[in-house]
């Protein structure tokens, strides 16, 4: 996490800033952080709004949970203090911006240092805070902003912009790609359209190849993760909070919507679209131009829109 946490904040101060909670006085307590229901821990505040995450609600160690009145029946842990809200996600966004006020925008500031002057001949700029390992290469007209850590044997092409990222060893990022920008997340709060805060980062693990003109958004409340050995073709978009499992291959013009999880050893054909918040198992094969709108189990082979088994697709096609 690269964004500065401005907390802790007293729970009553936090509640005073919300829009949709039932206002009441709570025992004084300093909340340390905001987090999603599956990753929350003692001292955090989280939210519950979707029954897909019911299992996490019943296991969480969070201190406070924004929750609708009708969902209180699912909260069977006495140690968790519920905060009743008509719109838990919207109140959570407001609270997240208290903790991370700079996370709803992209910062274009570059701090220059003499130690990185060697890149200026290529009209490329690397922020003085960036750390990189051995055999680092960068092309022409590229920018590596602050909040970036780079391992050994990393090659960044021309016309790239990298920010808010942790890049492991032996990674290639081809020309024109943008890594670590804010994702496409908006909500209307009191008739005002605001960006959802994105205080996560992009984690790119070892031996990854990223083609030309790809965009990988940083995480909102989690991190976006590209697993070991992943190969990504040109013009692919990976949205915020997406996790791509090890050794998965993604062909050109694929779009993966936010918070979906792709398993290991998958093959995803060109121009495929994968909806958000889905679970795609291991060893899954998805034919080109498919539209995936539901979870896929391990070893599935699907094609078409909506994506169905190859056998079913061919039968319907006749």
Protein backbone atom coordinates (compact mmCIF):
# COMPACT_ATOMS: atom_id res chain seq x y z
CA UNK A 1 0.00 0.00 0.00
CA UNK A 2 1.62 3.25 -1.16
CA UNK A 3 -0.99 5.79 -0.09
CA UNK A 4 -0.58 7.43 3.32
CA UNK A 5 -3.10 6.35 5.94
CA UNK A 6 -4.28 9.49 7.75
CA UNK A 7 -5.86 7.49 10.59
CA UNK A 8 -6.55 6.40 13.19
CA UNK A 9 -9.88 8.18 13.73
CA UNK A 10 -12.35 7.90 16.57
CA UNK A 11 -15.42 5.92 15.54
CA UNK A 12 -17.77 8.77 16.46
CA UNK A 13 -15.86 11.20 14.24
CA UNK A 14 -16.10 8.65 11.41
CA UNK A 15 -19.85 8.21 11.87
CA UNK A 16 -20.37 11.97 11.86
CA UNK A 17 -18.99 12.11 8.30
CA UNK A 18 -21.25 9.41 6.86
CA UNK A 19 -24.46 10.12 4.98
CA UNK A 20 -26.61 7.02 5.32
CA UNK A 21 -25.92 5.60 8.81
CA UNK A 22 -28.20 5.63 11.78
CA UNK A 23 -26.54 8.21 14.00
CA UNK A 24 -25.83 7.11 17.56
CA UNK A 25 -23.08 7.48 20.15
CA UNK A 26 -20.48 4.72 20.28
CA UNK A 27 -17.92 3.97 22.95
CA UNK A 28 -14.71 5.86 22.17
CA UNK A 29 -12.46 3.73 19.95
CA UNK A 30 -9.74 4.62 17.43
CA UNK A 31 -10.29 2.84 14.12
CA UNK A 32 -6.95 2.07 12.45
CA UNK A 33 -7.93 1.30 8.89
CA UNK A 34 -10.60 0.48 6.31
CA UNK A 35 -10.64 -2.91 4.61
CA UNK A 36 -12.80 -5.30 2.64
CA UNK A 37 -14.82 -7.92 4.47
CA UNK A 38 -12.50 -10.78 3.44
CA UNK A 39 -9.33 -9.02 4.66
CA UNK A 40 -10.53 -7.01 7.65
CA UNK A 41 -9.00 -7.46 11.08
CA UNK A 42 -9.28 -6.11 14.58
CA UNK A 43 -9.14 -2.32 14.59
CA UNK A 44 -10.64 -2.03 11.09
CA UNK A 45 -13.99 -0.89 9.76
CA UNK A 46 -15.53 -2.74 6.82
CA UNK A 47 -18.90 -3.11 5.08
CA UNK A 48 -21.30 -5.85 4.03
CA UNK A 49 -23.78 -5.38 1.19
CA UNK A 50 -23.59 -8.46 -1.05
CA UNK A 51 -24.62 -11.94 0.09
CA UNK A 52 -21.87 -13.41 -2.12
CA UNK A 53 -19.55 -12.42 0.73
CA UNK A 54 -21.67 -13.90 3.53
CA UNK A 55 -19.03 -16.49 4.38
CA UNK A 56 -16.47 -13.72 4.98
CA UNK A 57 -18.92 -11.79 7.16
CA UNK A 58 -19.28 -14.74 9.49
CA UNK A 59 -15.50 -15.20 9.77
CA UNK A 60 -14.22 -11.63 9.85
CA UNK A 61 -12.25 -10.23 12.80
CA UNK A 62 -13.16 -6.63 12.03
CA UNK A 63 -14.12 -4.26 14.84
CA UNK A 64 -16.93 -2.44 13.01
CA UNK A 65 -19.12 -3.36 10.06
CA UNK A 66 -21.40 -1.09 8.05
CA UNK A 67 -24.49 -3.19 7.36
CA UNK A 68 -28.13 -2.80 6.36
CA UNK A 69 -30.74 -3.39 9.03
CA UNK A 70 -32.24 -6.33 7.15
CA UNK A 71 -28.82 -8.06 7.07
CA UNK A 72 -28.20 -7.91 10.82
CA UNK A 73 -29.49 -11.49 11.10
CA UNK A 74 -26.33 -12.68 9.30
CA UNK A 75 -24.00 -11.02 11.78
CA UNK A 76 -23.64 -13.77 14.36
CA UNK A 77 -20.41 -12.59 15.97
CA UNK A 78 -20.92 -10.61 19.16
CA UNK A 79 -17.43 -9.12 19.01
CA UNK A 80 -18.27 -7.17 15.85
CA UNK A 81 -20.08 -3.88 16.38
CA UNK A 82 -22.65 -3.28 13.60
CA UNK A 83 -23.19 0.19 12.20
CA UNK A 84 -26.59 0.27 10.52
CA UNK A 85 -26.51 2.04 7.16
CA UNK A 86 -29.05 2.27 4.36
CA UNK A 87 -26.17 2.25 1.85
CA UNK A 88 -23.11 0.57 3.39
CA UNK A 89 -20.88 0.80 0.29
CA UNK A 90 -21.45 4.54 -0.15
CA UNK A 91 -20.72 5.22 3.51
CA UNK A 92 -17.63 3.02 3.27
CA UNK A 93 -16.37 5.10 0.32
CA UNK A 94 -16.78 8.28 2.37
CA UNK A 95 -14.86 6.70 5.24
CA UNK A 96 -12.14 5.36 2.94
CA UNK A 97 -11.54 8.89 1.65
CA UNK A 98 -11.01 10.05 5.23
CA UNK A 99 -8.20 7.53 5.62
CA UNK A 100 -6.77 7.88 2.10
CA UNK A 101 -7.73 11.33 0.75
CA UNK A 102 -5.23 11.22 -2.14
CA UNK A 103 -6.33 7.84 -3.49
CA UNK A 104 -9.16 9.07 -5.71
CA UNK A 105 -6.84 10.58 -8.31
CA UNK A 106 -3.61 9.99 -10.22
CA UNK A 107 -0.63 12.01 -9.06
CA UNK A 108 1.47 13.36 -11.94
CA UNK A 109 4.27 14.86 -9.84
CA UNK A 110 7.78 13.69 -10.71
CA UNK A 111 10.66 14.39 -8.31
CA UNK A 112 13.92 14.61 -10.22
CA UNK A 113 17.27 13.35 -9.02
CA UNK A 114 20.74 13.39 -10.56
CA UNK A 115 21.04 9.63 -10.04
CA UNK A 116 18.45 9.05 -12.79
CA UNK A 117 19.69 11.68 -15.25
CA UNK A 118 20.92 8.91 -17.56
CA UNK A 119 17.35 8.31 -18.70
CA UNK A 120 16.82 11.90 -19.86
CA UNK A 121 18.68 11.24 -23.13
CA UNK A 122 15.72 9.04 -24.03
CA UNK A 123 13.27 11.69 -22.80
CA UNK A 124 12.24 9.24 -20.08
CA UNK A 125 11.80 10.23 -16.45
CA UNK A 126 12.08 8.14 -13.30
CA UNK A 127 10.99 9.54 -9.93
CA UNK A 128 13.78 9.76 -7.36
CA UNK A 129 11.86 7.47 -4.98
CA UNK A 130 11.81 4.55 -7.43
CA UNK A 131 13.94 1.53 -6.54
CA UNK A 132 15.03 -0.86 -9.26
CA UNK A 133 17.37 -3.84 -9.45
CA UNK A 134 20.04 -5.01 -11.86
CA UNK A 135 19.81 -4.73 -15.66
CA UNK A 136 16.90 -2.28 -15.68
CA UNK A 137 16.04 -1.00 -19.16
CA UNK A 138 13.61 1.70 -20.27
CA UNK A 139 12.64 2.94 -23.73
CA UNK A 140 11.89 6.42 -25.05
CA UNK A 141 9.28 8.86 -23.68
CA UNK A 142 8.35 6.71 -20.68
CA UNK A 143 7.56 7.82 -17.13
CA UNK A 144 8.00 5.87 -13.92
CA UNK A 145 6.24 7.82 -11.18
CA UNK A 146 6.62 7.55 -7.43
CA UNK A 147 5.33 4.49 -5.55
CA UNK A 148 7.10 1.97 -7.79
CA UNK A 149 9.45 -0.86 -6.85
CA UNK A 150 11.20 -2.78 -9.64
CA UNK A 151 13.20 -6.03 -9.42
CA UNK A 152 16.05 -7.38 -11.55
CA UNK A 153 16.04 -7.77 -15.34
CA UNK A 154 12.98 -5.60 -15.94
CA UNK A 155 12.42 -4.01 -19.34
CA UNK A 156 9.96 -1.16 -19.84
CA UNK A 157 9.26 -0.10 -23.42
CA UNK A 158 8.67 3.30 -24.96
CA UNK A 159 5.69 5.56 -24.21
CA UNK A 160 4.81 3.73 -21.01
CA UNK A 161 3.52 5.15 -17.72
CA UNK A 162 4.12 3.17 -14.54
CA UNK A 163 2.86 4.11 -11.07
CA UNK A 164 1.70 2.50 -7.82
CA UNK A 165 3.26 -0.84 -8.72
CA UNK A 166 5.53 -3.57 -7.39
CA UNK A 167 7.25 -5.30 -10.32
CA UNK A 168 9.18 -8.50 -9.67
CA UNK A 169 12.17 -9.96 -11.55
CA UNK A 170 12.28 -10.76 -15.27
CA UNK A 171 9.26 -8.71 -16.32
CA UNK A 172 8.77 -7.17 -19.78
CA UNK A 173 6.30 -4.31 -20.27
CA UNK A 174 5.91 -3.42 -23.93
CA UNK A 175 5.41 -0.05 -25.66
CA UNK A 176 2.46 2.13 -24.79
CA UNK A 177 1.29 0.26 -21.70
CA UNK A 178 -0.05 2.01 -18.60
CA UNK A 179 0.28 0.27 -15.25
CA UNK A 180 -1.08 1.44 -11.90
CA UNK A 181 -3.58 4.13 -12.89
CA UNK A 182 -6.84 4.66 -11.03
CA UNK A 183 -9.62 2.28 -12.06
CA UNK A 184 -13.01 3.03 -13.58
CA UNK A 185 -15.08 3.31 -10.41
CA UNK A 186 -17.71 5.98 -9.75
CA UNK A 187 -20.57 6.37 -7.30
CA UNK A 188 -23.21 9.03 -6.82
CA UNK A 189 -23.33 10.39 -3.28
CA UNK A 190 -25.75 13.24 -2.58
CA UNK A 191 -26.13 13.92 -6.33
CA UNK A 192 -22.35 14.24 -6.72
CA UNK A 193 -20.44 11.76 -8.85
CA UNK A 194 -17.16 10.83 -7.14
CA UNK A 195 -14.28 8.49 -7.85
CA UNK A 196 -14.12 5.42 -5.65
CA UNK A 197 -10.78 5.64 -3.78
CA UNK A 198 -8.08 3.34 -5.14
CA UNK A 199 -5.47 2.88 -2.43
CA UNK A 200 -4.32 -0.53 -3.64
CA UNK A 201 -1.44 -1.13 -6.04
CA UNK A 202 -0.52 -3.44 -8.94
CA UNK A 203 1.64 -6.44 -8.07
CA UNK A 204 3.35 -8.06 -11.05
CA UNK A 205 5.14 -11.28 -10.13
CA UNK A 206 8.15 -12.95 -11.76
CA UNK A 207 8.56 -13.79 -15.46
CA UNK A 208 5.53 -11.84 -16.69
CA UNK A 209 5.20 -10.51 -20.24
CA UNK A 210 2.84 -7.60 -20.93
CA UNK A 211 2.20 -6.65 -24.55
CA UNK A 212 1.81 -3.25 -26.18
CA UNK A 213 -0.92 -0.77 -25.26
CA UNK A 214 -2.19 -2.71 -22.26
CA UNK A 215 -3.76 -1.05 -19.23
CA UNK A 216 -3.68 -2.57 -15.75
CA UNK A 217 -5.54 -0.56 -13.10
CA UNK A 218 -4.40 -0.44 -9.50
CA UNK A 219 -6.66 -1.90 -6.85
CA UNK A 220 -9.38 0.03 -5.09
CA UNK A 221 -9.70 -1.57 -1.65
CA UNK A 222 -7.41 -4.51 -2.56
CA UNK A 223 -4.43 -5.00 -4.92
CA UNK A 224 -4.49 -5.99 -8.58
CA UNK A 225 -2.26 -9.03 -8.96
CA UNK A 226 -0.64 -10.56 -12.06
CA UNK A 227 0.72 -14.02 -11.17
CA UNK A 228 4.04 -15.66 -12.03
CA UNK A 229 4.66 -16.49 -15.67
CA UNK A 230 1.52 -14.75 -16.96
CA UNK A 231 1.65 -13.73 -20.64
CA UNK A 232 -0.58 -10.88 -21.80
CA UNK A 233 -1.04 -9.98 -25.47
CA UNK A 234 -1.54 -6.46 -26.89
CA UNK A 235 -4.46 -4.17 -26.02
CA UNK A 236 -5.65 -6.01 -22.93
CA UNK A 237 -7.41 -4.24 -20.08
CA UNK A 238 -7.19 -5.61 -16.53
CA UNK A 239 -9.43 -3.68 -14.14
CA UNK A 240 -9.01 -2.91 -10.44
CA UNK A 241 -8.70 -5.75 -7.91
CA UNK A 242 -8.41 -8.43 -10.59
CA UNK A 243 -6.20 -11.41 -9.73
CA UNK A 244 -4.68 -13.40 -12.62
CA UNK A 245 -3.29 -16.79 -11.58
CA UNK A 246 0.16 -18.13 -12.46
CA UNK A 247 0.98 -19.16 -16.03
CA UNK A 248 -2.25 -17.88 -17.54
CA UNK A 249 -2.19 -16.69 -21.17
CA UNK A 250 -4.43 -13.83 -22.29
CA UNK A 251 -4.82 -13.01 -26.01
CA UNK A 252 -5.33 -9.57 -27.56
CA UNK A 253 -8.21 -7.22 -26.73
CA UNK A 254 -9.45 -9.12 -23.71
CA UNK A 255 -11.23 -7.09 -21.03
CA UNK A 256 -11.47 -8.31 -17.43
CA UNK A 257 -13.84 -6.33 -15.22
CA UNK A 258 -13.11 -5.41 -11.63
CA UNK A 259 -12.60 -7.88 -8.77
CA UNK A 260 -12.71 -11.04 -10.88
CA UNK A 261 -10.25 -13.81 -10.05
CA UNK A 262 -8.70 -15.88 -12.84
CA UNK A 263 -7.14 -19.21 -11.90
CA UNK A 264 -3.81 -20.78 -12.85
CA UNK A 265 -2.91 -22.16 -16.29
CA UNK A 266 -5.89 -20.60 -18.06
CA UNK A 267 -6.11 -19.76 -21.77
CA UNK A 268 -8.28 -16.77 -22.66
CA UNK A 269 -9.02 -16.16 -26.36
CA UNK A 270 -8.90 -12.77 -28.05
CA UNK A 271 -11.68 -10.19 -27.62
CA UNK A 272 -13.19 -12.06 -24.69
CA UNK A 273 -15.01 -10.09 -22.03
CA UNK A 274 -15.14 -11.28 -18.42
CA UNK A 275 -17.67 -9.66 -16.09
CA UNK A 276 -16.79 -8.37 -12.64
CA UNK A 277 -16.67 -10.26 -9.32
CA UNK A 278 -16.41 -13.67 -10.99
CA UNK A 279 -14.36 -16.72 -10.02
CA UNK A 280 -12.66 -18.47 -12.94
CA UNK A 281 -11.09 -21.79 -11.91
CA UNK A 282 -7.73 -23.33 -12.83
CA UNK A 283 -6.97 -24.78 -16.28
CA UNK A 284 -9.95 -23.02 -17.86
CA UNK A 285 -10.03 -22.51 -21.65
CA UNK A 286 -12.16 -19.66 -23.03
CA UNK A 287 -12.67 -19.34 -26.78
CA UNK A 288 -12.18 -16.03 -28.59
CA UNK A 289 -14.97 -13.40 -28.61
CA UNK A 290 -16.66 -15.04 -25.62
CA UNK A 291 -18.67 -13.23 -22.96
CA UNK A 292 -18.22 -14.74 -19.50
CA UNK A 293 -20.98 -13.68 -17.12
CA UNK A 294 -20.88 -16.42 -14.47
CA UNK A 295 -18.31 -18.36 -12.45
CA UNK A 296 -16.39 -21.16 -14.19
CA UNK A 297 -15.17 -24.27 -12.39
CA UNK A 298 -11.75 -25.88 -12.82
CA UNK A 299 -10.98 -27.36 -16.26
CA UNK A 300 -13.98 -25.71 -17.95
CA UNK A 301 -13.90 -25.22 -21.73
CA UNK A 302 -16.31 -22.51 -22.88
CA UNK A 303 -17.08 -20.30 -25.85
CA UNK A 304 -19.74 -17.87 -27.06
CA UNK A 305 -22.06 -15.36 -25.40
CA UNK A 306 -23.11 -16.09 -22.80
CA UNK A 307 -20.14 -18.45 -22.55
CA UNK A 308 -21.17 -22.12 -22.47
CA UNK A 309 -19.43 -25.45 -22.97
CA UNK A 310 -17.93 -26.12 -26.41
CA UNK A 311 -20.31 -29.05 -26.88
CA UNK A 312 -23.39 -27.00 -25.97
CA UNK A 313 -22.23 -24.11 -28.15
CA UNK A 314 -21.78 -26.29 -31.23
CA UNK A 315 -25.15 -27.93 -30.69
CA UNK A 316 -26.93 -24.58 -30.50
CA UNK A 317 -24.95 -23.21 -33.44
CA UNK A 318 -26.34 -25.92 -35.73
